[in-house]
Amino acid sequence: MNKFIWNNFGTLVSASKVGLMVVIKNSAGDTRKMSVNKYKNSALDVLNKAQTMIGQTVVIRTSQNTNDWSTDEWFSEIDIVQPTYKRSDCLTVGETEPKPDQPF
């Protein structure tokens, strides 16, 4: 059974390889690292993925499969926070979208 912990990480400002670590940093100055040795098959893929997410709000995953890894130090995956929609953002029955030449 896979055990993972997902946490909000805020706005990603950098993602780089430093020595044998992939290091990410958020706008609050927090950093997390991922071992290239431990995650040989995916670390560089995660780095490339993270570099495309700079400037976006992200969540990070920390694996708990081999140890109780600190979520304040380590990560093993990253993803963009999916937007949540408020009820007022969506059309309701009977509403129509404005025509392209009409203002909202």
N, C-alpha and C. Protein backbone atom coordinates (compact mmCIF):
# COMPACT_ATOMS: atom_id res chain seq x y z
N MET A 1 0.84 -1.18 0.00
CA MET A 1 0.00 0.00 0.00
C MET A 1 0.88 1.25 0.00
N ASN A 2 0.58 2.16 -0.90
CA ASN A 2 1.35 3.40 -0.97
C ASN A 2 0.82 4.41 0.04
N LYS A 3 1.75 5.00 0.77
CA LYS A 3 1.38 6.02 1.75
C LYS A 3 2.02 7.33 1.33
N PHE A 4 1.18 8.34 1.11
CA PHE A 4 1.64 9.64 0.71
C PHE A 4 0.93 10.72 1.50
N ILE A 5 1.62 11.85 1.67
CA ILE A 5 1.01 13.02 2.29
C ILE A 5 1.10 14.16 1.28
N TRP A 6 -0.04 14.76 0.96
CA TRP A 6 -0.09 15.91 0.05
C TRP A 6 -0.27 17.17 0.88
N ASN A 7 0.49 18.23 0.55
CA ASN A 7 0.38 19.51 1.24
C ASN A 7 0.42 20.65 0.23
N ASN A 8 -0.30 21.72 0.56
CA ASN A 8 -0.20 22.95 -0.24
C ASN A 8 1.21 23.50 -0.06
N PHE A 9 1.80 23.97 -1.14
CA PHE A 9 3.15 24.53 -1.08
C PHE A 9 3.16 26.01 -1.45
N GLY A 10 2.05 26.52 -1.92
CA GLY A 10 1.99 27.93 -2.30
C GLY A 10 2.47 28.14 -3.72
N THR A 11 2.91 29.36 -3.99
CA THR A 11 3.35 29.73 -5.34
C THR A 11 4.79 29.30 -5.54
N LEU A 12 5.01 28.49 -6.54
CA LEU A 12 6.35 27.99 -6.85
C LEU A 12 7.15 29.09 -7.53
N VAL A 13 8.36 29.38 -7.01
CA VAL A 13 9.19 30.42 -7.62
C VAL A 13 10.45 29.86 -8.27
N SER A 14 10.88 28.66 -7.88
CA SER A 14 12.05 28.07 -8.55
C SER A 14 12.06 26.57 -8.39
N ALA A 15 12.73 25.93 -9.34
CA ALA A 15 12.94 24.48 -9.33
C ALA A 15 14.28 24.25 -10.02
N SER A 16 15.20 23.59 -9.31
CA SER A 16 16.53 23.39 -9.87
C SER A 16 17.16 22.11 -9.32
N LYS A 17 18.22 21.69 -9.98
CA LYS A 17 19.00 20.56 -9.50
C LYS A 17 20.24 21.13 -8.83
N VAL A 18 20.41 20.81 -7.57
CA VAL A 18 21.56 21.28 -6.79
C VAL A 18 22.29 20.04 -6.29
N GLY A 19 23.43 19.74 -6.88
CA GLY A 19 24.14 18.52 -6.53
C GLY A 19 23.28 17.31 -6.86
N LEU A 20 23.03 16.47 -5.87
CA LEU A 20 22.22 15.27 -6.07
C LEU A 20 20.78 15.45 -5.60
N MET A 21 20.32 16.71 -5.56
CA MET A 21 18.97 17.02 -5.11
C MET A 21 18.23 17.88 -6.12
N VAL A 22 16.94 17.62 -6.25
CA VAL A 22 16.04 18.55 -6.92
C VAL A 22 15.50 19.43 -5.80
N VAL A 23 15.61 20.73 -5.96
CA VAL A 23 15.20 21.67 -4.92
C VAL A 23 14.13 22.61 -5.48
N ILE A 24 13.03 22.73 -4.74
CA ILE A 24 11.98 23.67 -5.13
C ILE A 24 11.85 24.73 -4.03
N LYS A 25 11.39 25.92 -4.44
CA LYS A 25 11.23 27.02 -3.49
C LYS A 25 9.92 27.73 -3.78
N ASN A 26 9.23 28.15 -2.72
CA ASN A 26 7.98 28.88 -2.91
C ASN A 26 8.17 30.36 -2.60
N SER A 27 7.12 31.15 -2.80
CA SER A 27 7.20 32.60 -2.64
C SER A 27 7.40 33.01 -1.19
N ALA A 28 7.15 32.13 -0.24
CA ALA A 28 7.38 32.42 1.18
C ALA A 28 8.82 32.10 1.59
N GLY A 29 9.62 31.57 0.65
CA GLY A 29 11.01 31.23 0.94
C GLY A 29 11.22 29.82 1.46
N ASP A 30 10.15 29.01 1.50
CA ASP A 30 10.27 27.62 1.94
C ASP A 30 10.88 26.78 0.82
N THR A 31 11.69 25.82 1.20
CA THR A 31 12.27 24.91 0.22
C THR A 31 11.96 23.47 0.59
N ARG A 32 11.93 22.61 -0.42
CA ARG A 32 11.81 21.17 -0.25
C ARG A 32 12.80 20.54 -1.22
N LYS A 33 13.23 19.33 -0.88
CA LYS A 33 14.19 18.66 -1.75
C LYS A 33 13.74 17.24 -2.06
N MET A 34 14.29 16.75 -3.15
CA MET A 34 14.01 15.39 -3.61
C MET A 34 15.34 14.78 -4.03
N SER A 35 15.63 13.61 -3.51
CA SER A 35 16.89 12.94 -3.81
C SER A 35 16.89 12.36 -5.22
N VAL A 36 17.89 12.76 -6.01
CA VAL A 36 18.03 12.20 -7.35
C VAL A 36 18.44 10.73 -7.24
N ASN A 37 19.26 10.38 -6.24
CA ASN A 37 19.66 8.98 -6.06
C ASN A 37 18.46 8.10 -5.71
N LYS A 38 17.63 8.56 -4.80
CA LYS A 38 16.47 7.77 -4.35
C LYS A 38 15.42 7.62 -5.45
N TYR A 39 15.20 8.70 -6.19
CA TYR A 39 14.15 8.71 -7.22
C TYR A 39 14.77 8.80 -8.62
N LYS A 40 15.75 7.94 -8.89
CA LYS A 40 16.48 7.96 -10.16
C LYS A 40 15.56 8.00 -11.37
N ASN A 41 14.52 7.20 -11.33
CA ASN A 41 13.64 7.08 -12.49
C ASN A 41 12.73 8.27 -12.71
N SER A 42 12.49 9.06 -11.67
CA SER A 42 11.52 10.13 -11.83
C SER A 42 11.99 11.52 -11.42
N ALA A 43 13.10 11.64 -10.73
CA ALA A 43 13.52 12.94 -10.18
C ALA A 43 13.69 14.00 -11.27
N LEU A 44 14.34 13.68 -12.37
CA LEU A 44 14.54 14.67 -13.41
C LEU A 44 13.24 14.98 -14.15
N ASP A 45 12.35 13.99 -14.24
CA ASP A 45 11.03 14.26 -14.80
C ASP A 45 10.24 15.21 -13.91
N VAL A 46 10.32 15.00 -12.60
CA VAL A 46 9.65 15.89 -11.65
C VAL A 46 10.24 17.29 -11.74
N LEU A 47 11.56 17.39 -11.88
CA LEU A 47 12.21 18.70 -12.03
C LEU A 47 11.69 19.41 -13.28
N ASN A 48 11.68 18.72 -14.40
CA ASN A 48 11.18 19.32 -15.64
C ASN A 48 9.72 19.76 -15.50
N LYS A 49 8.92 18.93 -14.88
CA LYS A 49 7.52 19.24 -14.64
C LYS A 49 7.39 20.48 -13.76
N ALA A 50 8.17 20.53 -12.67
CA ALA A 50 8.12 21.66 -11.74
C ALA A 50 8.52 22.96 -12.44
N GLN A 51 9.50 22.89 -13.32
CA GLN A 51 9.95 24.11 -14.01
C GLN A 51 8.85 24.71 -14.88
N THR A 52 7.90 23.90 -15.32
CA THR A 52 6.78 24.42 -16.11
C THR A 52 5.70 25.02 -15.21
N MET A 53 5.81 24.81 -13.90
CA MET A 53 4.78 25.28 -12.95
C MET A 53 5.19 26.55 -12.21
N ILE A 54 6.36 27.09 -12.51
CA ILE A 54 6.83 28.28 -11.81
C ILE A 54 5.81 29.40 -12.00
N GLY A 55 5.49 30.06 -10.88
CA GLY A 55 4.49 31.12 -10.88
C GLY A 55 3.09 30.64 -10.57
N GLN A 56 2.92 29.33 -10.45
CA GLN A 56 1.59 28.77 -10.17
C GLN A 56 1.52 28.23 -8.75
N THR A 57 0.31 28.11 -8.24
CA THR A 57 0.09 27.54 -6.92
C THR A 57 0.12 26.02 -7.05
N VAL A 58 0.94 25.39 -6.20
CA VAL A 58 1.15 23.95 -6.33
C VAL A 58 0.92 23.21 -5.00
N VAL A 59 0.72 21.91 -5.13
CA VAL A 59 0.72 21.00 -4.00
C VAL A 59 1.89 20.05 -4.20
N ILE A 60 2.44 19.57 -3.09
CA ILE A 60 3.54 18.62 -3.17
C ILE A 60 3.21 17.38 -2.36
N ARG A 61 3.78 16.28 -2.78
CA ARG A 61 3.56 14.99 -2.12
C ARG A 61 4.86 14.56 -1.45
N THR A 62 4.73 14.01 -0.26
CA THR A 62 5.88 13.42 0.43
C THR A 62 5.56 11.96 0.67
N SER A 63 6.43 11.09 0.22
CA SER A 63 6.24 9.65 0.39
C SER A 63 6.51 9.25 1.84
N GLN A 64 5.72 8.33 2.34
CA GLN A 64 5.93 7.76 3.67
C GLN A 64 6.12 6.25 3.55
N ASN A 65 6.49 5.78 2.35
CA ASN A 65 6.58 4.35 2.10
C ASN A 65 7.81 3.69 2.72
N THR A 66 8.92 4.39 2.78
CA THR A 66 10.14 3.77 3.31
C THR A 66 10.57 4.33 4.65
N ASN A 67 9.95 5.43 5.07
CA ASN A 67 10.30 6.08 6.33
C ASN A 67 9.28 7.17 6.60
N ASP A 68 9.29 7.73 7.78
CA ASP A 68 8.43 8.87 8.09
C ASP A 68 9.16 10.15 7.68
N TRP A 69 9.25 10.37 6.36
CA TRP A 69 9.99 11.50 5.83
C TRP A 69 9.31 12.80 6.20
N SER A 70 10.09 13.79 6.61
CA SER A 70 9.56 15.08 7.02
C SER A 70 8.93 15.82 5.85
N THR A 71 7.69 16.23 6.02
CA THR A 71 7.01 17.01 4.98
C THR A 71 7.54 18.44 4.94
N ASP A 72 8.32 18.83 5.93
CA ASP A 72 8.94 20.16 5.95
C ASP A 72 10.31 20.17 5.27
N GLU A 73 10.75 19.00 4.80
CA GLU A 73 12.07 18.91 4.19
C GLU A 73 12.04 18.25 2.81
N TRP A 74 11.20 17.22 2.65
CA TRP A 74 11.24 16.37 1.46
C TRP A 74 9.97 16.45 0.65
N PHE A 75 10.08 16.15 -0.66
CA PHE A 75 8.91 15.95 -1.51
C PHE A 75 9.25 14.91 -2.56
N SER A 76 8.22 14.30 -3.14
CA SER A 76 8.46 13.28 -4.16
C SER A 76 7.62 13.49 -5.42
N GLU A 77 6.71 14.45 -5.39
CA GLU A 77 5.87 14.75 -6.55
C GLU A 77 5.31 16.15 -6.39
N ILE A 78 4.92 16.75 -7.48
CA ILE A 78 4.37 18.10 -7.48
C ILE A 78 3.23 18.17 -8.47
N ASP A 79 2.24 19.00 -8.17
CA ASP A 79 1.12 19.17 -9.09
C ASP A 79 0.53 20.57 -8.90
N ILE A 80 -0.12 21.05 -9.92
CA ILE A 80 -0.78 22.36 -9.86
C ILE A 80 -2.06 22.22 -9.06
N VAL A 81 -2.34 23.21 -8.23
CA VAL A 81 -3.61 23.24 -7.49
C VAL A 81 -4.71 23.47 -8.51
N GLN A 82 -5.67 22.59 -8.53
CA GLN A 82 -6.79 22.74 -9.45
C GLN A 82 -7.73 23.81 -8.92
N PRO A 83 -8.22 24.67 -9.80
CA PRO A 83 -9.12 25.74 -9.34
C PRO A 83 -10.41 25.16 -8.80
N THR A 84 -10.94 25.84 -7.83
CA THR A 84 -12.26 25.47 -7.33
C THR A 84 -13.24 26.52 -7.84
N TYR A 85 -14.40 26.11 -8.14
CA TYR A 85 -15.39 27.00 -8.70
C TYR A 85 -16.46 27.29 -7.67
N LYS A 86 -16.83 28.56 -7.59
CA LYS A 86 -17.93 28.94 -6.72
C LYS A 86 -19.21 28.79 -7.53
N ARG A 87 -20.27 28.63 -6.83
CA ARG A 87 -21.55 28.47 -7.50
C ARG A 87 -21.83 29.63 -8.44
N SER A 88 -21.44 30.84 -8.07
CA SER A 88 -21.72 32.01 -8.90
C SER A 88 -20.88 32.03 -10.18
N ASP A 89 -19.85 31.19 -10.27
CA ASP A 89 -19.02 31.14 -11.47
C ASP A 89 -19.69 30.37 -12.61
N CYS A 90 -20.69 29.59 -12.31
CA CYS A 90 -21.29 28.71 -13.30
C CYS A 90 -22.68 29.20 -13.68
N LEU A 91 -23.04 28.95 -14.91
CA LEU A 91 -24.38 29.28 -15.36
C LEU A 91 -25.39 28.35 -14.69
N THR A 92 -26.57 28.86 -14.46
CA THR A 92 -27.64 28.03 -13.91
C THR A 92 -28.67 27.80 -15.01
N VAL A 93 -29.61 26.93 -14.74
CA VAL A 93 -30.64 26.62 -15.72
C VAL A 93 -31.35 27.91 -16.11
N GLY A 94 -31.49 28.14 -17.40
CA GLY A 94 -32.17 29.33 -17.90
C GLY A 94 -31.21 30.47 -18.23
N GLU A 95 -29.99 30.44 -17.72
CA GLU A 95 -29.01 31.48 -18.05
C GLU A 95 -28.34 31.13 -19.36
N THR A 96 -27.96 32.14 -20.10
CA THR A 96 -27.21 31.92 -21.33
C THR A 96 -25.98 32.80 -21.29
N GLU A 97 -25.00 32.41 -22.06
CA GLU A 97 -23.80 33.23 -22.15
C GLU A 97 -24.09 34.41 -23.08
N PRO A 98 -23.45 35.56 -22.85
CA PRO A 98 -23.67 36.68 -23.77
C PRO A 98 -23.08 36.38 -25.13
N LYS A 99 -23.63 37.02 -26.14
CA LYS A 99 -23.08 36.87 -27.48
C LYS A 99 -21.72 37.53 -27.50
N PRO A 100 -20.82 37.08 -28.36
CA PRO A 100 -19.45 37.62 -28.39
C PRO A 100 -19.39 39.13 -28.55
N ASP A 101 -20.40 39.74 -29.22
CA ASP A 101 -20.37 41.20 -29.43
C ASP A 101 -21.10 41.97 -28.35
N GLN A 102 -21.56 41.28 -27.30
CA GLN A 102 -22.25 41.95 -26.20
C GLN A 102 -21.41 41.85 -24.93
N PRO A 103 -21.34 42.94 -24.17
CA PRO A 103 -20.60 42.88 -22.90
C PRO A 103 -21.39 42.04 -21.90
N PHE A 104 -20.70 41.60 -20.88
CA PHE A 104 -21.33 40.80 -19.83
C PHE A 104 -22.32 41.62 -19.06
